[in-house]
Amino acid sequence: MKAPTLDARLEAVLELIRADVHADIGSDHAKLPIRLLREGRAERCVVVELNPGPLALARRNAARARLAGRLEVRAGDGFAPLVPGEVDSASLTGMGAGTVAGILRRAGERLPPALVVQPNDSPRPLRVWAREHGYHLTAERLIPGYWPYPVLRLERRDGPDPAYAGLPSAAALRYGPHLLREGDNLLDEQVRADVARLTPLAAPGRTAQTELAAALAALAVLEGRGEGG
């Protein structure tokens, strides 16, 4: 079986993973772990899939890849099929941020020291979770597609996350501290679109007002006028 092709968002996930033992949670087709093993980015991978259809597909693809002893497919929910300390890295992709955060909250001592997550909506809940649970945001990407796909790498480290230093907190949590500092073009488009969308909706006490304030603070950073916060 030749190395499987990944779409742009999963290629971005692939590039942020390097581990001895990696778990792909909710893998669906197992293509990402197969590529990780083929490219030497992981020595061993564990695929976890809950739903019967994707589980069967993952098992078929794993068998065809002929990576016996290095690739294992397990049925189960989230990190439950893993033993604490078994993996040193995990990925969760193609789900809503709330779903991903719920899986991480239930993982307990099974959580590995490194995570790569790709939610299909705003990653803010995952940035908040990371800051509350001792994970630093060490890298992030925004990948064009049906909508902009965020990809985040989180690593367990001591102390406050330096990625947020000197940035307006609400803007950094919503849009991403690394992306704001890099002046990512796709993020710039997203922030300006948010400002245009939220401006006519904003009024004191409304959610749109809070969201607009974060968008305007992000825009100030992108334009080089951010004063920090």
Protein backbone atom coordinates (compact mmCIF):
# COMPACT_ATOMS: atom_id res chain seq x y z
CA MET A 1 0.00 0.00 0.00
CA LYS A 2 1.47 3.34 -1.02
CA ALA A 3 1.59 6.18 1.49
CA PRO A 4 -1.91 7.69 1.77
CA THR A 5 -2.61 11.22 0.60
CA LEU A 6 -3.80 13.69 3.22
CA ASP A 7 -5.72 16.91 2.72
CA ALA A 8 -4.07 20.23 3.61
CA ARG A 9 -5.34 20.36 7.19
CA LEU A 10 -4.05 16.85 8.00
CA GLU A 11 -0.74 17.60 6.29
CA ALA A 12 -0.42 20.52 8.72
CA VAL A 13 -1.22 18.19 11.62
CA LEU A 14 1.37 15.70 10.34
CA GLU A 15 4.08 18.35 10.30
CA LEU A 16 3.52 19.19 13.97
CA ILE A 17 3.90 15.58 15.19
CA ARG A 18 7.11 13.80 16.15
CA ALA A 19 6.89 11.15 18.84
CA ASP A 20 7.98 7.70 19.93
CA VAL A 21 4.42 6.50 20.50
CA HIS A 22 1.50 8.51 19.11
CA ALA A 23 -2.26 8.04 19.46
CA ASP A 24 -4.73 9.28 16.86
CA ILE A 25 -8.07 9.69 18.65
CA GLY A 26 -11.11 9.48 16.39
CA SER A 27 -8.85 8.54 13.50
CA ASP A 28 -11.62 7.57 11.04
CA HIS A 29 -9.44 6.08 8.23
CA ALA A 30 -6.04 5.73 9.99
CA LYS A 31 -4.31 7.58 7.14
CA LEU A 32 -2.57 10.06 9.45
CA PRO A 33 -0.85 7.42 11.65
CA ILE A 34 0.13 5.40 8.57
CA ARG A 35 1.89 8.48 7.18
CA LEU A 36 3.50 9.19 10.57
CA LEU A 37 5.03 5.72 10.60
CA ARG A 38 6.05 5.73 6.94
CA GLU A 39 7.83 9.08 7.34
CA GLY A 40 9.56 8.17 10.57
CA ARG A 41 7.70 10.77 12.62
CA ALA A 42 6.58 8.07 15.06
CA GLU A 43 7.91 4.65 16.02
CA ARG A 44 4.53 3.24 17.00
CA CYS A 45 0.93 4.46 16.64
CA VAL A 46 -2.34 3.56 18.31
CA VAL A 47 -5.60 4.35 16.52
CA VAL A 48 -8.70 4.85 18.67
CA GLU A 49 -12.12 4.89 17.02
CA LEU A 50 -15.56 4.67 18.61
CA ASN A 51 -17.96 4.34 15.68
CA PRO A 52 -18.29 0.91 13.96
CA GLY A 53 -18.01 2.12 10.35
CA PRO A 54 -14.83 4.21 10.77
CA LEU A 55 -13.41 1.54 13.08
CA ALA A 56 -13.77 -1.11 10.37
CA LEU A 57 -12.25 1.24 7.79
CA ALA A 58 -9.29 2.00 10.05
CA ARG A 59 -8.70 -1.73 10.59
CA ARG A 60 -8.80 -2.43 6.85
CA ASN A 61 -6.35 0.36 6.07
CA ALA A 62 -4.06 -0.70 8.90
CA ALA A 63 -3.99 -4.28 7.60
CA ARG A 64 -3.22 -3.12 4.07
CA ALA A 65 -0.38 -0.91 5.32
CA ARG A 66 1.44 -3.99 6.66
CA LEU A 67 2.74 -2.23 9.74
CA ALA A 68 2.10 -5.06 12.18
CA GLY A 69 3.68 -4.42 15.55
CA ARG A 70 3.83 -0.69 14.93
CA LEU A 71 0.18 0.19 14.24
CA GLU A 72 -2.67 -0.95 16.47
CA VAL A 73 -6.37 -0.12 16.14
CA ARG A 74 -8.51 -0.11 19.29
CA ALA A 75 -12.23 0.37 19.77
CA GLY A 76 -13.25 2.86 22.42
CA ASP A 77 -14.15 6.38 23.47
CA GLY A 78 -11.42 9.00 23.58
CA PHE A 79 -8.39 8.09 25.66
CA ALA A 80 -10.19 5.29 27.55
CA PRO A 81 -8.52 2.41 25.58
CA LEU A 82 -5.05 3.74 26.45
CA VAL A 83 -2.95 2.95 29.51
CA PRO A 84 -1.64 5.98 31.45
CA GLY A 85 1.83 6.82 30.16
CA GLU A 86 1.48 4.57 27.11
CA VAL A 87 1.75 7.37 24.53
CA ASP A 88 3.75 10.56 24.56
CA SER A 89 1.69 12.37 21.92
CA ALA A 90 -1.87 12.38 20.60
CA SER A 91 -3.90 14.03 17.84
CA LEU A 92 -7.60 14.88 17.71
CA THR A 93 -8.84 16.19 14.38
CA GLY A 94 -12.03 16.91 12.46
CA MET A 95 -14.26 17.49 15.49
CA GLY A 96 -15.81 20.54 17.11
CA ALA A 97 -13.66 22.28 19.72
CA GLY A 98 -16.26 21.54 22.41
CA THR A 99 -16.12 17.84 21.58
CA VAL A 100 -12.32 17.83 21.66
CA ALA A 101 -12.26 19.71 24.98
CA GLY A 102 -14.70 17.19 26.45
CA ILE A 103 -12.48 14.28 25.39
CA LEU A 104 -9.46 15.99 26.95
CA ARG A 105 -11.30 16.69 30.21
CA ARG A 106 -12.31 13.03 30.53
CA ALA A 107 -8.81 11.73 29.74
CA GLY A 108 -7.41 12.34 33.23
CA GLU A 109 -4.04 10.68 33.81
CA ARG A 110 -4.08 9.19 30.30
CA LEU A 111 -3.31 12.61 28.79
CA PRO A 112 0.10 12.61 27.08
CA PRO A 113 2.59 15.48 27.37
CA ALA A 114 2.00 16.62 23.77
CA LEU A 115 -1.21 17.17 21.81
CA VAL A 116 -2.00 18.30 18.27
CA VAL A 117 -5.62 19.36 17.78
CA GLN A 118 -7.52 20.49 14.70
CA PRO A 119 -11.05 21.63 15.56
CA ASN A 120 -13.64 22.39 12.89
CA ASP A 121 -14.72 25.61 14.58
CA SER A 122 -13.26 28.29 16.89
CA PRO A 123 -10.31 26.87 18.82
CA ARG A 124 -10.82 29.31 21.70
CA PRO A 125 -12.15 26.61 24.10
CA LEU A 126 -8.99 24.58 23.48
CA ARG A 127 -6.68 27.52 24.14
CA VAL A 128 -8.59 28.17 27.37
CA TRP A 129 -8.40 24.48 28.34
CA ALA A 130 -4.65 24.42 27.67
CA ARG A 131 -3.96 27.44 29.89
CA GLU A 132 -6.06 25.93 32.71
CA HIS A 133 -4.39 22.51 32.54
CA GLY A 134 -0.70 23.34 32.24
CA TYR A 135 -0.25 23.07 28.48
CA HIS A 136 1.59 25.70 26.44
CA LEU A 137 0.61 26.57 22.89
CA THR A 138 3.91 26.00 21.10
CA ALA A 139 2.78 26.21 17.46
CA GLU A 140 -0.34 26.97 15.47
CA ARG A 141 -1.36 27.10 11.83
CA LEU A 142 -4.41 28.32 9.94
CA ILE A 143 -5.09 26.23 6.84
CA PRO A 144 -7.40 27.33 4.00
CA GLY A 145 -10.21 24.98 3.05
CA TYR A 146 -14.00 24.86 3.20
CA TRP A 147 -13.36 27.29 6.06
CA PRO A 148 -10.08 28.24 7.79
CA TYR A 149 -8.90 25.18 9.73
CA PRO A 150 -6.89 25.91 12.90
CA VAL A 151 -4.16 23.45 13.92
CA LEU A 152 -2.62 23.75 17.39
CA ARG A 153 0.28 21.98 19.11
CA LEU A 154 0.07 21.91 22.91
CA GLU A 155 2.86 20.78 25.25
CA ARG A 156 2.71 20.23 29.02
CA ARG A 157 5.06 22.75 30.62
CA ASP A 158 5.43 24.62 33.90
CA GLY A 159 4.44 28.23 34.49
CA PRO A 160 2.42 30.71 32.45
CA ASP A 161 2.39 30.27 28.68
CA PRO A 162 4.80 32.85 27.22
CA ALA A 163 2.92 32.80 23.90
CA TYR A 164 0.33 35.17 25.38
CA ALA A 165 2.75 37.66 26.94
CA GLY A 166 2.20 41.23 25.79
CA LEU A 167 -0.97 40.50 23.83
CA PRO A 168 -4.60 41.43 24.57
CA SER A 169 -5.90 38.29 26.26
CA ALA A 170 -9.33 38.12 24.62
CA ALA A 171 -7.86 38.62 21.15
CA ALA A 172 -5.08 36.07 21.68
CA LEU A 173 -7.47 33.41 22.98
CA ARG A 174 -9.92 33.93 20.14
CA TYR A 175 -7.50 34.31 17.23
CA GLY A 176 -4.22 32.75 18.41
CA PRO A 177 -1.10 34.44 19.82
CA HIS A 178 1.35 32.97 17.30
CA LEU A 179 -0.90 33.79 14.35
CA LEU A 180 -1.34 37.37 15.58
CA ARG A 181 2.41 37.84 15.97
CA GLU A 182 3.12 36.31 12.57
CA GLY A 183 0.53 38.51 10.86
CA ASP A 184 -1.00 35.46 9.14
CA ASN A 185 -2.78 36.59 5.96
CA LEU A 186 -5.70 34.22 6.36
CA LEU A 187 -6.17 35.37 9.95
CA ASP A 188 -6.06 39.00 8.83
CA GLU A 189 -8.94 38.29 6.43
CA GLN A 190 -10.87 36.52 9.17
CA VAL A 191 -10.41 39.34 11.70
CA ARG A 192 -11.49 42.02 9.21
CA ALA A 193 -14.52 39.95 8.23
CA ASP A 194 -15.44 39.60 11.91
CA VAL A 195 -15.17 43.36 12.44
CA ALA A 196 -17.44 44.01 9.45
CA ARG A 197 -19.95 41.36 10.57
CA LEU A 198 -20.06 42.30 14.24
CA THR A 199 -20.06 46.11 14.01
CA PRO A 200 -23.77 46.47 13.11
CA LEU A 201 -24.73 43.85 15.72
CA ALA A 202 -22.77 45.22 18.68
CA ALA A 203 -24.56 46.88 21.59
CA PRO A 204 -23.75 47.11 25.32
CA GLY A 205 -24.45 43.80 27.05
CA ARG A 206 -24.68 41.78 23.86
CA THR A 207 -22.29 38.96 23.00
CA ALA A 208 -21.49 40.68 19.70
CA GLN A 209 -20.06 43.62 21.65
CA THR A 210 -17.57 41.38 23.46
CA GLU A 211 -16.65 39.60 20.23
CA LEU A 212 -16.20 42.90 18.42
CA ALA A 213 -13.88 44.18 21.14
CA ALA A 214 -11.69 41.08 20.71
CA ALA A 215 -11.71 41.48 16.91
CA LEU A 216 -10.74 45.14 17.12
CA ALA A 217 -7.93 44.34 19.57
CA ALA A 218 -6.68 41.65 17.19
CA LEU A 219 -6.84 44.06 14.27
CA ALA A 220 -4.76 46.56 16.25
CA VAL A 221 -2.08 43.91 16.81
CA LEU A 222 -2.09 42.92 13.13
CA GLU A 223 -1.72 46.56 12.12
CA GLY A 224 1.16 47.03 14.52
CA ARG A 225 -0.74 49.21 16.94
CA GLY A 226 -1.38 46.71 19.74
CA GLU A 227 -0.46 47.99 23.18
CA GLY A 228 -0.70 44.61 24.93
CA GLY A 229 -3.07 43.67 27.72
